[in-house]
C-alpha cells in the first residue's frame, strides 16, 4: 500500500479531506430531533441504496444542533457514495475491490498505544457516576418512528476469543435499552464475535467488548469482511492497516480487559453477560427493530444478549456517526469487501478472466453481484458459470449473479440491463440453484412466501448469463464511434 494514503487516519482527517472537494460534505445548524427526524432529512439528501424513493446519492451531512445533545454533532452518510469512499481510501471507485483484495494479502497488525496518546479517552464517564445514562451521553438516533429504540449503527465491536485470545472487529445492531444496557443482534452463523460470545457463555463468563464509534473509514470498510476471506482468528483491523500503510492504533480500555480504537470519537466499554436475554422492543412494543439493508424494517428479536456498560469515553466535542440501514452506505460497507472476496476466489481458480465485480446497490451490497467476464478462447465458454458458482461459494449471502462481457460497464445499471435485453434468453441462459442457505432478512426467503422453501433464509440462487457465446462474439459488436477529445467543444466536460 502507498504511504501517501496515511494522510487520513481518523474520522476528523477524513472530514477535512471531504471539505476540500465540492459537493461531498454539508453541515447544518438547524435543530433536528434524533428521533426519526434526522434520518427523515437525510433520506432526501443522500441516502440512496434500497431506501424508498424519493431518495438519491448525495453528500455526507453533519447536524451541528441535535436536540438533547448540544455538546456533540452527528454525521450521517459518510460512505453513502462509492466516489466518496474512493476519495477517502485514495483509490478510483471502480478499483476499490482490487484495493481491498491487495490489502487482505498484506495485512498490517494493529498496535497498542498509551492512554495519553488515545484521543478517544479525553473524557471518561464511569457507569458508577451519579446520573450516568448512555442515552444522554450518546446521540444515537432512530431511523423511523416505529424503531425499537435508539440504535448505534456504526459501532466497531471489538472482542477476543476467551480461549485463543484472537481478536476480531465487526458491526452489529445495537439498541440502547436502559441507562447502562445495550442489546446486541447477531445474524446466525455470520459473525466471529458470536463464536466468542458462545464460548464465554459456556464458561459462564462475561465477554469484554468495546464499541468504537466514529473512526477512520478504512476501518469501517475492512470490518465488513467475512469468511472465507477472513476466517476466525483474522483481525480485520490488519486490513485497514494495509490500506493506510500503517498500523491501526488501539488503546487498553479503562474498565475492561479489552482494547478499543484509539482515535475513535466515542468508545463504549462493557461486557456481554452470559445467560441474560431481553426483547429488542421491550421499551416500545412496536414489534419492529430498525430498517435493514434490503429496504424493509426488521422484526424485533424476542431474545437478545445484553451488554452491561461499564464506561463511555470520548473525544472533546465528539462527533457521533450513524447510518440509515438500507442506504448506499451499507452498499459500500458490505459490497466492496464482497467484491474483493469474489475477485480473490475466482482469480485463484481461473486467472485473468474475471475483470471486475460490482456488488450492486439494489441488493444492499449483499444479494446481487454483476461480474465482468472475459472469454479469450473457445475453451473459456462455460467458465463464466463456474465463476458465478465460485462467487456463491465466496459469499454465502449472495442471491443473484449477473454475468456480462468486457464491453459492458458493470457500474451502469442501464448498460447491464442492455446486456440482459440483447444478450440473454431466459430459458437458455438462466441457472437455478434451489434450497441454498442465504440471508434471513430477505422477506421472500421464507416458507410463508412459498411452500417450496423449507426454512427462513433458504433461497433459490440464480445465475443470469448475459455474456455472448464465444462462437458468436463477432456478431455482437457494439457500434464503434470516433474517439475524440470532447473538451475541445465543451471545456468543462468531465
Protein backbone atom coordinates (compact mmCIF):
# COMPACT_ATOMS: atom_id res chain seq x y z
CA UNK A 1 0.00 0.00 0.00
CA UNK A 2 1.18 3.53 -0.69
CA UNK A 3 2.36 5.68 2.22
CA UNK A 4 0.65 8.62 0.53
CA UNK A 5 -2.62 7.25 1.89
CA UNK A 6 -1.69 7.91 5.54
CA UNK A 7 -2.99 11.49 5.43
CA UNK A 8 -6.39 10.16 6.54
CA UNK A 9 -6.12 8.16 9.76
CA UNK A 10 -9.30 9.02 11.67
CA UNK A 11 -12.78 10.43 11.14
CA UNK A 12 -11.76 14.07 11.51
CA UNK A 13 -8.97 13.91 8.93
CA UNK A 14 -11.42 12.21 6.56
CA UNK A 15 -13.87 15.07 7.01
CA UNK A 16 -11.13 17.62 6.43
CA UNK A 17 -10.35 15.90 3.13
CA UNK A 18 -14.01 15.98 2.09
CA UNK A 19 -14.18 19.72 2.81
CA UNK A 20 -11.66 20.26 0.00
CA UNK A 21 -13.91 18.60 -2.59
CA UNK A 22 -17.11 20.45 -3.55
CA UNK A 23 -20.34 18.53 -3.09
CA UNK A 24 -19.02 15.86 -0.73
CA UNK A 25 -19.91 17.29 2.71
CA UNK A 26 -22.54 19.71 4.01
CA UNK A 27 -23.38 20.98 7.51
CA UNK A 28 -26.49 22.44 9.10
CA UNK A 29 -27.10 24.36 12.32
CA UNK A 30 -30.88 23.93 12.13
CA UNK A 31 -32.13 21.97 15.19
CA UNK A 32 -33.01 18.35 14.45
CA UNK A 33 -34.68 15.68 16.56
CA UNK A 34 -32.64 12.43 16.64
CA UNK A 35 -35.91 10.51 16.95
CA UNK A 36 -36.69 9.74 13.28
CA UNK A 37 -36.37 13.34 12.05
CA UNK A 38 -32.61 13.25 11.41
CA UNK A 39 -32.90 10.11 9.27
CA UNK A 40 -36.01 11.54 7.63
CA UNK A 41 -33.99 14.54 6.47
CA UNK A 42 -31.09 12.51 5.13
CA UNK A 43 -33.43 10.16 3.30
CA UNK A 44 -33.92 13.01 0.82
CA UNK A 45 -30.39 14.44 0.87
CA UNK A 46 -28.21 11.42 0.22
CA UNK A 47 -29.35 8.02 1.48
CA UNK A 48 -29.77 6.20 -1.86
CA UNK A 49 -29.47 2.42 -1.67
CA UNK A 50 -32.69 0.48 -1.17
CA UNK A 51 -34.43 3.37 0.62
CA UNK A 52 -37.94 4.03 -0.71
CA UNK A 53 -37.97 6.76 -3.36
CA UNK A 54 -37.64 9.74 -3.40
CA UNK A 55 -34.03 9.45 -2.37
CA UNK A 56 -30.69 9.95 -4.05
CA UNK A 57 -26.93 9.59 -3.65
CA UNK A 58 -25.68 12.86 -2.20
CA UNK A 59 -23.17 14.43 0.17
CA UNK A 60 -22.36 13.35 3.70
CA UNK A 61 -24.11 15.57 6.24
CA UNK A 62 -23.24 16.90 9.70
CA UNK A 63 -26.01 18.03 12.05
CA UNK A 64 -24.48 20.55 14.47
CA UNK A 65 -27.61 21.04 16.59
CA UNK A 66 -29.06 17.69 17.70
CA UNK A 67 -31.85 18.25 20.20
CA UNK A 68 -30.91 16.90 23.62
CA UNK A 69 -27.22 16.54 22.71
CA UNK A 70 -25.89 20.08 22.49
CA UNK A 71 -22.28 19.06 23.23
CA UNK A 72 -21.91 16.82 20.19
CA UNK A 73 -22.58 16.66 16.47
CA UNK A 74 -23.98 13.82 14.35
CA UNK A 75 -22.57 12.70 11.00
CA UNK A 76 -24.53 10.57 8.54
CA UNK A 77 -23.81 9.33 5.02
CA UNK A 78 -20.01 9.32 5.15
CA UNK A 79 -19.81 6.18 3.00
CA UNK A 80 -23.04 6.62 1.02
CA UNK A 81 -21.19 7.29 -2.24
CA UNK A 82 -18.71 4.97 -3.93
CA UNK A 83 -16.94 8.06 -5.28
CA UNK A 84 -16.55 9.40 -1.73
CA UNK A 85 -15.23 6.06 -0.45
CA UNK A 86 -12.66 6.05 -3.25
CA UNK A 87 -11.66 9.59 -2.37
CA UNK A 88 -11.10 8.73 1.29
CA UNK A 89 -9.24 5.49 0.52
CA UNK A 90 -7.12 7.05 -2.22
CA UNK A 91 -8.44 4.80 -4.99
CA UNK A 92 -10.51 5.01 -8.16
CA UNK A 93 -14.09 3.95 -7.30
CA UNK A 94 -14.13 1.12 -9.84
CA UNK A 95 -10.90 -0.33 -8.38
CA UNK A 96 -11.95 -0.48 -4.72
CA UNK A 97 -12.47 -4.25 -4.76
CA UNK A 98 -8.91 -4.68 -6.04
CA UNK A 99 -7.56 -2.33 -3.35
CA UNK A 100 -9.15 -4.40 -0.60
CA UNK A 101 -8.06 -7.65 -2.21
CA UNK A 102 -4.46 -6.43 -2.16
CA UNK A 103 -4.83 -5.28 1.46
CA UNK A 104 -6.02 -8.72 2.59
CA UNK A 105 -2.84 -10.23 1.13
CA UNK A 106 -0.53 -7.83 3.00
CA UNK A 107 -2.12 -7.22 6.43
CA UNK A 108 -0.50 -4.91 8.99
CA UNK A 109 -1.37 -5.90 12.56
CA UNK A 110 -2.72 -3.22 14.94
CA UNK A 111 -0.56 -1.83 17.73
CA UNK A 112 -1.38 -0.62 21.26
CA UNK A 113 -0.60 2.95 22.34
CA UNK A 114 -0.57 4.57 25.78
CA UNK A 115 -3.66 6.23 27.26
CA UNK A 116 -2.24 9.74 26.79
CA UNK A 117 -1.90 9.06 23.04
CA UNK A 118 -5.55 8.00 22.67
CA UNK A 119 -7.95 10.86 21.82
CA UNK A 120 -10.92 8.56 22.49
CA UNK A 121 -10.19 8.76 26.23
CA UNK A 122 -10.03 12.55 26.58
CA UNK A 123 -13.29 12.44 28.54
CA UNK A 124 -14.33 9.45 30.70
CA UNK A 125 -17.76 8.65 32.17
CA UNK A 126 -18.00 5.64 34.51
CA UNK A 127 -21.27 3.76 34.95
CA UNK A 128 -20.87 4.24 38.71
CA UNK A 129 -21.06 8.02 38.25
CA UNK A 130 -24.23 9.67 39.52
CA UNK A 131 -26.65 10.31 36.66
CA UNK A 132 -24.77 8.08 34.19
CA UNK A 133 -27.00 7.33 31.20
CA UNK A 134 -25.74 6.16 27.81
CA UNK A 135 -28.93 7.51 26.19
CA UNK A 136 -27.89 11.01 27.21
CA UNK A 137 -24.16 10.57 26.55
CA UNK A 138 -24.51 9.09 23.05
CA UNK A 139 -26.79 10.82 20.49
CA UNK A 140 -27.89 7.54 18.92
CA UNK A 141 -30.87 8.22 16.63
CA UNK A 142 -33.82 6.18 15.49
CA UNK A 143 -34.35 5.76 11.75
CA UNK A 144 -38.17 5.65 11.86
CA UNK A 145 -40.92 6.36 14.43
CA UNK A 146 -41.54 2.61 14.89
CA UNK A 147 -37.95 1.60 15.71
CA UNK A 148 -37.43 -0.46 18.87
CA UNK A 149 -35.29 2.37 20.26
CA UNK A 150 -32.19 4.44 19.55
CA UNK A 151 -29.52 2.40 17.77
CA UNK A 152 -25.77 2.52 17.46
CA UNK A 153 -25.46 1.55 13.79
CA UNK A 154 -21.77 2.30 13.12
CA UNK A 155 -20.16 0.77 16.20
CA UNK A 156 -16.95 -1.18 15.62
CA UNK A 157 -17.44 -4.05 18.09
CA UNK A 158 -14.11 -5.47 19.24
CA UNK A 159 -13.72 -8.61 21.37
CA UNK A 160 -11.39 -11.56 21.82
CA UNK A 161 -11.77 -15.34 21.87
CA UNK A 162 -11.71 -16.35 25.56
CA UNK A 163 -9.67 -19.46 24.67
CA UNK A 164 -7.29 -18.46 21.87
CA UNK A 165 -7.19 -14.70 22.70
CA UNK A 166 -7.51 -13.92 18.97
CA UNK A 167 -9.44 -10.71 18.34
CA UNK A 168 -11.93 -9.55 15.74
CA UNK A 169 -13.94 -6.47 14.81
CA UNK A 170 -17.48 -6.49 13.37
CA UNK A 171 -20.52 -4.21 13.10
CA UNK A 172 -23.79 -5.18 14.80
CA UNK A 173 -27.31 -3.90 15.50
CA UNK A 174 -27.02 -2.28 18.96
CA UNK A 175 -30.13 -0.91 20.68
CA UNK A 176 -29.85 1.30 23.77
CA UNK A 177 -32.19 -0.42 26.24
CA UNK A 178 -31.55 1.43 29.53
CA UNK A 179 -29.08 3.75 31.18
CA UNK A 180 -26.38 1.05 31.15
CA UNK A 181 -27.63 -1.77 28.91
CA UNK A 182 -27.40 -2.38 25.15
CA UNK A 183 -28.94 -5.31 23.28
CA UNK A 184 -26.81 -6.90 20.55
CA UNK A 185 -28.16 -8.72 17.49
CA UNK A 186 -26.13 -11.46 15.79
CA UNK A 187 -27.02 -12.78 12.33
CA UNK A 188 -26.99 -16.56 12.92
CA UNK A 189 -23.67 -18.11 11.98
CA UNK A 190 -22.33 -14.99 10.29
CA UNK A 191 -20.09 -13.22 12.81
CA UNK A 192 -16.94 -14.23 14.67
CA UNK A 193 -17.96 -12.35 17.80
CA UNK A 194 -20.91 -14.70 18.14
CA UNK A 195 -18.44 -17.59 18.41
CA UNK A 196 -16.54 -15.69 21.10
CA UNK A 197 -19.77 -14.94 22.99
CA UNK A 198 -20.91 -18.56 22.86
CA UNK A 199 -17.56 -19.77 24.20
CA UNK A 200 -17.70 -17.28 27.08
CA UNK A 201 -21.30 -18.21 27.87
CA UNK A 202 -20.41 -21.93 28.06
CA UNK A 203 -17.78 -20.95 30.62
CA UNK A 204 -20.41 -18.81 32.45
CA UNK A 205 -18.14 -15.82 31.90
CA UNK A 206 -18.94 -12.32 30.62
CA UNK A 207 -17.24 -11.37 27.35
CA UNK A 208 -15.46 -7.99 27.46
CA UNK A 209 -16.35 -5.88 24.43
CA UNK A 210 -15.56 -2.37 23.22
CA UNK A 211 -17.68 -0.39 20.76
CA UNK A 212 -15.74 2.30 18.87
CA UNK A 213 -17.84 4.90 17.05
CA UNK A 214 -16.55 7.45 14.55
CA UNK A 215 -13.33 6.01 13.14
CA UNK A 216 -11.19 6.01 10.01
CA UNK A 217 -13.44 4.92 7.10
CA UNK A 218 -10.82 2.32 6.14
CA UNK A 219 -11.66 0.51 9.39
CA UNK A 220 -15.41 0.68 8.71
CA UNK A 221 -14.94 -0.94 5.29
CA UNK A 222 -12.41 -3.54 6.45
CA UNK A 223 -14.61 -4.60 9.39
CA UNK A 224 -17.19 -5.96 6.93
CA UNK A 225 -15.03 -8.78 5.53
CA UNK A 226 -16.37 -12.28 6.20
CA UNK A 227 -15.22 -15.91 5.77
CA UNK A 228 -13.73 -17.49 3.79
CA UNK A 229 -11.60 -14.43 3.02
CA UNK A 230 -11.13 -13.68 6.74
CA UNK A 231 -11.57 -16.84 8.81
CA UNK A 232 -11.93 -16.88 12.58
CA UNK A 233 -8.72 -15.53 14.10
CA UNK A 234 -8.16 -12.97 11.32
CA UNK A 235 -8.30 -9.45 12.78
CA UNK A 236 -9.80 -7.22 10.07
CA UNK A 237 -8.10 -4.19 11.60
CA UNK A 238 -4.97 -5.52 9.87
CA UNK A 239 -6.70 -4.93 6.50
CA UNK A 240 -7.34 -1.30 7.42
CA UNK A 241 -3.67 -1.05 8.37
CA UNK A 242 -2.69 -2.32 4.93
CA UNK A 243 -5.00 0.16 3.20
CA UNK A 244 -3.33 3.04 5.06
CA UNK A 245 0.18 1.64 5.04
CA UNK A 246 0.35 1.98 8.84
CA UNK A 247 -0.92 0.03 11.82
CA UNK A 248 -4.29 0.85 13.36
CA UNK A 249 -3.73 2.17 16.87
CA UNK A 250 -5.57 0.55 19.78
CA UNK A 251 -5.67 1.51 23.44
CA UNK A 252 -6.45 -0.55 26.54
CA UNK A 253 -9.92 0.13 27.89
CA UNK A 254 -10.37 1.85 31.24
CA UNK A 255 -12.72 -0.68 32.87
CA UNK A 256 -12.47 -3.99 31.00
CA UNK A 257 -9.72 -6.28 29.74
CA UNK A 258 -10.09 -5.34 26.07
CA UNK A 259 -8.85 -2.74 23.62
CA UNK A 260 -10.57 -0.03 21.60
CA UNK A 261 -9.70 2.07 18.55
CA UNK A 262 -7.56 4.87 19.94
CA UNK A 263 -8.69 7.69 17.64
CA UNK A 264 -12.43 6.93 17.80
CA UNK A 265 -14.88 9.70 18.63
CA UNK A 266 -16.72 7.54 21.21
CA UNK A 267 -15.96 4.23 22.92
CA UNK A 268 -18.46 2.18 24.89
CA UNK A 269 -16.83 -0.30 27.28
CA UNK A 270 -18.89 -3.22 28.55
CA UNK A 271 -19.42 -6.93 28.97
CA UNK A 272 -21.73 -9.33 27.16
CA UNK A 273 -23.47 -11.07 30.05
CA UNK A 274 -23.94 -14.86 29.97
CA UNK A 275 -27.44 -16.30 30.17
CA UNK A 276 -29.34 -12.99 30.10
CA UNK A 277 -31.72 -12.14 27.24
CA UNK A 278 -34.16 -9.29 26.55
CA UNK A 279 -36.81 -8.48 23.97
CA UNK A 280 -35.41 -5.99 21.50
CA UNK A 281 -38.54 -3.80 21.57
CA UNK A 282 -39.15 -4.07 25.32
CA UNK A 283 -39.40 -0.28 25.60
CA UNK A 284 -41.70 0.36 22.62
CA UNK A 285 -43.66 -2.81 21.91
CA UNK A 286 -43.75 -1.99 18.19
CA UNK A 287 -42.66 -5.45 17.09
CA UNK A 288 -40.13 -3.73 14.84
CA UNK A 289 -36.37 -3.35 15.16
CA UNK A 290 -34.99 -0.88 12.59
CA UNK A 291 -34.72 -0.53 8.80
CA UNK A 292 -32.31 -3.12 7.40
CA UNK A 293 -30.30 -3.25 4.18
CA UNK A 294 -32.93 -5.00 1.98
CA UNK A 295 -35.18 -1.93 2.40
CA UNK A 296 -37.61 -3.37 4.96
CA UNK A 297 -37.82 -2.82 8.72
CA UNK A 298 -36.67 -5.93 10.51
CA UNK A 299 -38.82 -7.58 13.14
CA UNK A 300 -37.79 -7.16 16.76
CA UNK A 301 -35.97 -10.18 18.14
CA UNK A 302 -37.56 -11.61 21.26
CA UNK A 303 -34.32 -12.88 22.82
CA UNK A 304 -31.09 -10.91 22.51
CA UNK A 305 -27.97 -10.89 24.68
CA UNK A 306 -27.18 -7.80 26.72
CA UNK A 307 -24.04 -5.66 27.02
CA UNK A 308 -23.67 -4.23 30.52
CA UNK A 309 -21.96 -0.88 30.03
CA UNK A 310 -19.04 -0.08 32.33
CA UNK A 311 -17.95 3.26 30.87
CA UNK A 312 -18.28 5.67 27.96
CA UNK A 313 -15.21 7.57 26.81
CA UNK A 314 -15.00 10.16 24.06
CA UNK A 315 -13.10 12.99 22.48
CA UNK A 316 -13.69 16.60 23.39
CA UNK A 317 -16.67 17.78 21.30
CA UNK A 318 -17.25 14.31 19.85
CA UNK A 319 -18.86 13.51 16.51
CA UNK A 320 -21.49 10.77 16.55
CA UNK A 321 -21.56 8.73 13.33
CA UNK A 322 -24.70 6.93 12.21
CA UNK A 323 -26.17 5.28 9.13
CA UNK A 324 -29.57 4.60 7.60
CA UNK A 325 -29.75 0.80 7.39
CA UNK A 326 -30.95 0.47 3.76
CA UNK A 327 -28.82 3.35 2.44
CA UNK A 328 -26.00 3.34 -0.08
CA UNK A 329 -23.68 3.47 2.93
CA UNK A 330 -24.47 -0.17 3.64
CA UNK A 331 -23.78 -0.97 -0.02
CA UNK A 332 -20.27 0.45 0.37
CA UNK A 333 -19.52 -1.29 3.65
CA UNK A 334 -20.87 -4.72 2.73
CA UNK A 335 -20.41 -4.64 -1.03
CA UNK A 336 -16.79 -3.61 -1.51
CA UNK A 337 -15.41 -6.40 0.72
CA UNK A 338 -17.73 -8.79 -1.14
CA UNK A 339 -16.20 -7.69 -4.43
CA UNK A 340 -12.70 -8.26 -3.05
CA UNK A 341 -13.64 -11.75 -1.83
CA UNK A 342 -15.11 -12.76 -5.19
CA UNK A 343 -12.14 -11.35 -7.11
CA UNK A 344 -9.76 -13.29 -4.89
CA UNK A 345 -11.50 -16.66 -5.20
CA UNK A 346 -12.14 -16.52 -8.96
CA UNK A 347 -8.64 -15.26 -9.74
CA UNK A 348 -7.16 -18.26 -7.94
CA UNK A 349 -9.28 -20.67 -9.98
CA UNK A 350 -9.09 -19.03 -13.41
CA UNK A 351 -6.54 -16.20 -13.59
CA UNK A 352 -7.18 -13.24 -15.85
CA UNK A 353 -10.77 -14.00 -16.80
CA UNK A 354 -12.75 -12.04 -14.20
CA UNK A 355 -12.12 -8.38 -14.96
CA UNK A 356 -14.22 -6.77 -12.23
CA UNK A 357 -17.17 -7.24 -9.87
CA UNK A 358 -19.84 -4.86 -8.57
CA UNK A 359 -21.94 -5.78 -5.53
CA UNK A 360 -24.99 -3.94 -6.78
CA UNK A 361 -26.82 -1.26 -4.81
CA UNK A 362 -30.22 -2.90 -5.35
CA UNK A 363 -29.07 -5.87 -3.29
CA UNK A 364 -27.72 -3.75 -0.47
CA UNK A 365 -24.19 -4.84 -1.36
CA UNK A 366 -25.03 -8.43 -0.39
CA UNK A 367 -27.70 -10.03 -2.58
CA UNK A 368 -26.57 -9.26 -6.13
CA UNK A 369 -23.24 -9.19 -7.97
CA UNK A 370 -22.54 -8.11 -11.54
CA UNK A 371 -19.45 -9.92 -12.82
CA UNK A 372 -17.48 -8.77 -15.87
CA UNK A 373 -16.04 -11.88 -17.53
CA UNK A 374 -13.65 -12.12 -20.48
CA UNK A 375 -13.67 -15.06 -22.91
CA UNK A 376 -10.39 -15.17 -24.83
CA UNK A 377 -10.57 -18.65 -26.39
CA UNK A 378 -13.20 -21.29 -27.21
CA UNK A 379 -12.45 -23.27 -24.03
CA UNK A 380 -13.47 -20.24 -21.93
CA UNK A 381 -17.09 -20.83 -22.90
CA UNK A 382 -18.87 -22.18 -19.83
CA UNK A 383 -16.24 -20.95 -17.39
CA UNK A 384 -18.37 -17.89 -16.70
CA UNK A 385 -20.86 -20.16 -14.95
CA UNK A 386 -18.06 -21.68 -12.92
CA UNK A 387 -17.01 -18.16 -11.88
CA UNK A 388 -20.55 -17.45 -10.70
CA UNK A 389 -20.57 -20.64 -8.63
CA UNK A 390 -17.28 -19.60 -7.04
CA UNK A 391 -18.84 -16.23 -6.20
CA UNK A 392 -21.67 -18.00 -4.39
CA UNK A 393 -19.09 -20.05 -2.50
CA UNK A 394 -17.07 -16.96 -1.61
CA UNK A 395 -20.07 -15.12 -0.25
CA UNK A 396 -22.90 -17.23 1.09
CA UNK A 397 -25.38 -14.33 1.35
CA UNK A 398 -25.19 -13.67 -2.40
CA UNK A 399 -28.50 -14.46 -4.11
CA UNK A 400 -28.19 -13.35 -7.77
CA UNK A 401 -25.23 -13.15 -10.16
CA UNK A 402 -25.43 -11.30 -13.50
CA UNK A 403 -22.62 -12.19 -15.91
CA UNK A 404 -21.64 -9.66 -18.60
CA UNK A 405 -18.89 -9.22 -21.20
CA UNK A 406 -15.91 -6.90 -21.02
CA UNK A 407 -17.63 -4.22 -23.14
CA UNK A 408 -20.36 -3.67 -20.51
CA UNK A 409 -19.97 -1.07 -17.74
CA UNK A 410 -20.90 -3.03 -14.61
CA UNK A 411 -21.41 0.16 -12.61
CA UNK A 412 -24.01 1.48 -15.07
CA UNK A 413 -27.30 -0.34 -14.43
CA UNK A 414 -28.69 0.74 -17.80
CA UNK A 415 -25.75 -0.89 -19.54
CA UNK A 416 -26.23 -4.08 -17.53
CA UNK A 417 -29.94 -4.13 -18.41
CA UNK A 418 -28.97 -3.56 -22.05
CA UNK A 419 -26.93 -6.77 -21.88
CA UNK A 420 -29.90 -8.53 -20.24
CA UNK A 421 -32.15 -7.40 -23.08
CA UNK A 422 -29.85 -8.17 -26.03
CA UNK A 423 -27.57 -10.99 -24.85
CA UNK A 424 -29.86 -13.15 -22.72
CA UNK A 425 -32.61 -15.71 -23.31
CA UNK A 426 -34.44 -16.72 -20.13
CA UNK A 427 -34.90 -20.40 -20.97
CA UNK A 428 -31.30 -20.77 -22.17
CA UNK A 429 -29.18 -18.51 -20.00
CA UNK A 430 -30.67 -18.95 -16.51
CA UNK A 431 -29.30 -21.35 -13.91
CA UNK A 432 -31.31 -22.03 -10.76
CA UNK A 433 -29.70 -23.37 -7.58
CA UNK A 434 -32.61 -24.00 -5.18
CA UNK A 435 -32.59 -24.84 -1.50
CA UNK A 436 -29.42 -22.95 -0.53
CA UNK A 437 -28.89 -21.02 2.70
CA UNK A 438 -28.74 -17.27 2.06
CA UNK A 439 -29.79 -14.39 4.38
CA UNK A 440 -32.73 -14.27 6.83
CA UNK A 441 -33.50 -10.57 6.28
CA UNK A 442 -34.86 -11.19 2.76
CA UNK A 443 -38.64 -11.48 3.37
CA UNK A 444 -39.10 -13.61 0.24
CA UNK A 445 -36.91 -16.33 1.72
CA UNK A 446 -39.47 -17.97 3.98
CA UNK A 447 -41.98 -20.89 3.90
CA UNK A 448 -44.77 -18.29 4.05
CA UNK A 449 -43.66 -16.96 0.66
CA UNK A 450 -43.59 -20.42 -0.92
CA UNK A 451 -44.13 -23.96 0.38
CA UNK A 452 -41.06 -24.96 -1.66
CA UNK A 453 -38.88 -23.00 0.79
CA UNK A 454 -38.09 -25.27 3.73
CA UNK A 455 -36.83 -22.70 6.26
CA UNK A 456 -36.37 -18.97 6.76
CA UNK A 457 -33.23 -17.86 4.97
CA UNK A 458 -33.32 -20.64 2.36
CA UNK A 459 -33.21 -19.28 -1.19
CA UNK A 460 -33.01 -20.15 -4.85
CA UNK A 461 -29.75 -18.67 -6.05
CA UNK A 462 -29.83 -17.67 -9.70
CA UNK A 463 -27.26 -17.02 -12.43
CA UNK A 464 -28.24 -14.70 -15.30
CA UNK A 465 -25.69 -15.30 -18.05
CA UNK A 466 -25.74 -12.17 -20.22
CA UNK A 467 -22.46 -12.97 -21.95
CA UNK A 468 -22.24 -13.59 -25.68
CA UNK A 469 -21.35 -17.19 -26.67
CA UNK A 470 -17.70 -17.19 -27.72
CA UNK A 471 -18.55 -18.50 -31.19
CA UNK A 472 -20.86 -15.52 -31.81
CA UNK A 473 -18.67 -12.70 -30.47
CA UNK A 474 -18.17 -11.15 -33.92
CA UNK A 475 -21.97 -10.84 -34.35
CA UNK A 476 -22.42 -8.83 -31.13
CA UNK A 477 -20.01 -5.97 -31.69
CA UNK A 478 -21.25 -2.65 -30.28
CA UNK A 479 -21.32 0.38 -32.58
CA UNK A 480 -17.86 1.95 -32.70
CA UNK A 481 -17.79 5.75 -32.51
CA UNK A 482 -14.92 8.05 -33.42
CA UNK A 483 -12.60 8.71 -30.49
CA UNK A 484 -12.38 12.46 -29.82
CA UNK A 485 -11.43 14.82 -27.01
CA UNK A 486 -14.79 16.39 -26.02
CA UNK A 487 -13.12 19.24 -24.07
CA UNK A 488 -12.36 20.92 -27.42
CA UNK A 489 -16.07 21.64 -27.69
CA UNK A 490 -17.11 21.51 -24.02
CA UNK A 491 -14.16 22.73 -21.92
CA UNK A 492 -15.64 21.76 -18.54
CA UNK A 493 -16.53 18.22 -19.64
CA UNK A 494 -15.59 15.59 -17.05
